Structures are given as structure tokens and as C-alpha cells.
């Protein structure tokens, strides 16, 4: 699942834990838990469209970057987003 790999890469590049992303998304109006982020990373389920948009905004990438295969993993450098 592309989003799981891309999200894992973005989080690793930013040295971010699932609980930190969950907190950032909550502040952005997308209430999710650490367990939800863990499920996304494991490919157990996918984030809602609104959460995909918030994740893209958080990392300064497009939603297309998050959803497509082989776009983020090893392909682009992503700037730090707001905390």
C-alpha cells in the first residue's frame, strides 16, 4: 500500500513518532489516535480523505505524492512542516 510506505518515509525523515503525527492532525482538526496512525503505517486501513489532506499539508507534499507508488520513497526531499 503506497500511502503506508510514503507516510512511513515522511515520518522517518522527520524523526516523528505516530503519537506526534496524531497530535499534529488533532490540532489540524482531524481527531485521530496513535493506534489509528499505527494502523495506517501497517496498511491495515487507509486514512479518510480529510486526513490525507491534513497529512499532505503537515509534510508539505501533495495528496498525489502520498497516494502514489514510488513517489516519496527515496524520490524527494521534504521540508519540515509546522509543529
C-alpha atoms as a PDB file:
ATOM      1  CA  UNK A   1       0.000   0.000   0.000  1.00  0.00           C
ATOM      2  CA  UNK A   2       1.634   3.211  -1.208  1.00  0.00           C
ATOM      3  CA  UNK A   3       0.325   5.504   1.484  1.00  0.00           C
ATOM      4  CA  UNK A   4       1.729   3.309   4.250  1.00  0.00           C
ATOM      5  CA  UNK A   5       5.215   3.349   2.704  1.00  0.00           C
ATOM      6  CA  UNK A   6       5.108   7.038   1.861  1.00  0.00           C
ATOM      7  CA  UNK A   7       3.835   8.008   5.294  1.00  0.00           C
ATOM      8  CA  UNK A   8       6.482   5.860   6.992  1.00  0.00           C
ATOM      9  CA  UNK A   9       9.205   7.525   4.893  1.00  0.00           C
ATOM     10  CA  UNK A  10       7.945  11.032   5.668  1.00  0.00           C
ATOM     11  CA  UNK A  11       7.710  10.284   9.367  1.00  0.00           C
ATOM     12  CA  UNK A  12      11.199   8.739   9.428  1.00  0.00           C
ATOM     13  CA  UNK A  13      12.638  11.732   7.562  1.00  0.00           C
ATOM     14  CA  UNK A  14      11.121  13.991  10.223  1.00  0.00           C
ATOM     15  CA  UNK A  15      12.033  11.704  13.119  1.00  0.00           C
ATOM     16  CA  UNK A  16       8.346  11.634  14.022  1.00  0.00           C
ATOM     17  CA  UNK A  17       6.513   9.039  16.094  1.00  0.00           C
ATOM     18  CA  UNK A  18       2.884   8.038  15.464  1.00  0.00           C
ATOM     19  CA  UNK A  19       1.723   9.837  18.599  1.00  0.00           C
ATOM     20  CA  UNK A  20       3.291  13.075  17.335  1.00  0.00           C
ATOM     21  CA  UNK A  21       1.554  12.823  13.968  1.00  0.00           C
ATOM     22  CA  UNK A  22      -1.726  12.035  15.712  1.00  0.00           C
ATOM     23  CA  UNK A  23      -1.323  15.166  17.858  1.00  0.00           C
ATOM     24  CA  UNK A  24      -0.497  17.306  14.798  1.00  0.00           C
ATOM     25  CA  UNK A  25      -3.561  16.004  12.977  1.00  0.00           C
ATOM     26  CA  UNK A  26      -5.769  16.643  16.009  1.00  0.00           C
ATOM     27  CA  UNK A  27      -4.539  20.245  16.075  1.00  0.00           C
ATOM     28  CA  UNK A  28      -5.400  20.453  12.366  1.00  0.00           C
ATOM     29  CA  UNK A  29      -8.977  19.369  13.103  1.00  0.00           C
ATOM     30  CA  UNK A  30      -8.588  15.681  12.238  1.00  0.00           C
ATOM     31  CA  UNK A  31      -9.014  13.780  15.509  1.00  0.00           C
ATOM     32  CA  UNK A  32      -7.047  10.543  15.228  1.00  0.00           C
ATOM     33  CA  UNK A  33      -5.260   8.387  17.754  1.00  0.00           C
ATOM     34  CA  UNK A  34      -1.792   6.892  17.825  1.00  0.00           C
ATOM     35  CA  UNK A  35      -3.412   3.497  17.149  1.00  0.00           C
ATOM     36  CA  UNK A  36      -5.047   4.892  14.020  1.00  0.00           C
ATOM     37  CA  UNK A  37      -1.695   6.132  12.709  1.00  0.00           C
ATOM     38  CA  UNK A  38      -0.154   2.743  13.557  1.00  0.00           C
ATOM     39  CA  UNK A  39      -2.906   1.062  11.503  1.00  0.00           C
ATOM     40  CA  UNK A  40      -2.178   3.338   8.550  1.00  0.00           C
ATOM     41  CA  UNK A  41       1.524   2.522   8.765  1.00  0.00           C
ATOM     42  CA  UNK A  42       0.781  -1.201   8.909  1.00  0.00           C
ATOM     43  CA  UNK A  43      -1.506  -0.934   5.884  1.00  0.00           C
ATOM     44  CA  UNK A  44      -4.430  -2.226   7.930  1.00  0.00           C
ATOM     45  CA  UNK A  45      -6.585   0.667   6.749  1.00  0.00           C
ATOM     46  CA  UNK A  46      -6.329   3.993   4.949  1.00  0.00           C
ATOM     47  CA  UNK A  47      -6.907   7.489   6.276  1.00  0.00           C
ATOM     48  CA  UNK A  48     -10.065   9.366   5.326  1.00  0.00           C
ATOM     49  CA  UNK A  49      -9.732  11.907   2.524  1.00  0.00           C
ATOM     50  CA  UNK A  50      -9.748  14.778   5.029  1.00  0.00           C
ATOM     51  CA  UNK A  51      -6.892  13.173   6.955  1.00  0.00           C
ATOM     52  CA  UNK A  52      -4.899  12.604   3.738  1.00  0.00           C
ATOM     53  CA  UNK A  53      -5.193  16.323   3.008  1.00  0.00           C
ATOM     54  CA  UNK A  54      -4.097  17.222   6.548  1.00  0.00           C
ATOM     55  CA  UNK A  55      -1.131  14.805   6.340  1.00  0.00           C
ATOM     56  CA  UNK A  56      -0.066  16.278   2.994  1.00  0.00           C
ATOM     57  CA  UNK A  57      -0.275  19.794   4.443  1.00  0.00           C
ATOM     58  CA  UNK A  58       1.692  18.746   7.524  1.00  0.00           C
ATOM     59  CA  UNK A  59       4.591  17.433   5.452  1.00  0.00           C
ATOM     60  CA  UNK A  60       4.405  19.944   2.601  1.00  0.00           C
ATOM     61  CA  UNK A  61       3.645  17.377  -0.100  1.00  0.00           C
ATOM     62  CA  UNK A  62       0.661  16.816  -2.371  1.00  0.00           C
ATOM     63  CA  UNK A  63      -2.048  14.264  -1.760  1.00  0.00           C
ATOM     64  CA  UNK A  64      -0.926  12.650  -5.008  1.00  0.00           C
ATOM     65  CA  UNK A  65       2.568  12.262  -3.528  1.00  0.00           C
ATOM     66  CA  UNK A  66       1.090  10.416  -0.548  1.00  0.00           C
ATOM     67  CA  UNK A  67      -1.116   8.084  -2.547  1.00  0.00           C
ATOM     68  CA  UNK A  68       1.081   7.108  -5.492  1.00  0.00           C
ATOM     69  CA  UNK A  69       3.629   4.297  -5.591  1.00  0.00           C
ATOM     70  CA  UNK A  70       7.328   5.199  -5.617  1.00  0.00           C
ATOM     71  CA  UNK A  71       6.847   8.944  -5.365  1.00  0.00           C
ATOM     72  CA  UNK A  72       8.122   9.788  -1.896  1.00  0.00           C
ATOM     73  CA  UNK A  73      10.191   6.747  -1.036  1.00  0.00           C
ATOM     74  CA  UNK A  74      13.695   7.820  -1.974  1.00  0.00           C
ATOM     75  CA  UNK A  75      12.468  10.313  -4.569  1.00  0.00           C
ATOM     76  CA  UNK A  76      12.075  13.745  -2.975  1.00  0.00           C
ATOM     77  CA  UNK A  77      13.315  15.708  -0.022  1.00  0.00           C
ATOM     78  CA  UNK A  78      10.515  17.072   2.128  1.00  0.00           C
ATOM     79  CA  UNK A  79      10.932  20.240   4.226  1.00  0.00           C
ATOM     80  CA  UNK A  80       9.953  20.285   7.892  1.00  0.00           C
ATOM     81  CA  UNK A  81       6.347  21.288   8.374  1.00  0.00           C
ATOM     82  CA  UNK A  82       4.741  23.231  11.213  1.00  0.00           C
ATOM     83  CA  UNK A  83       4.582  21.606  14.623  1.00  0.00           C
END
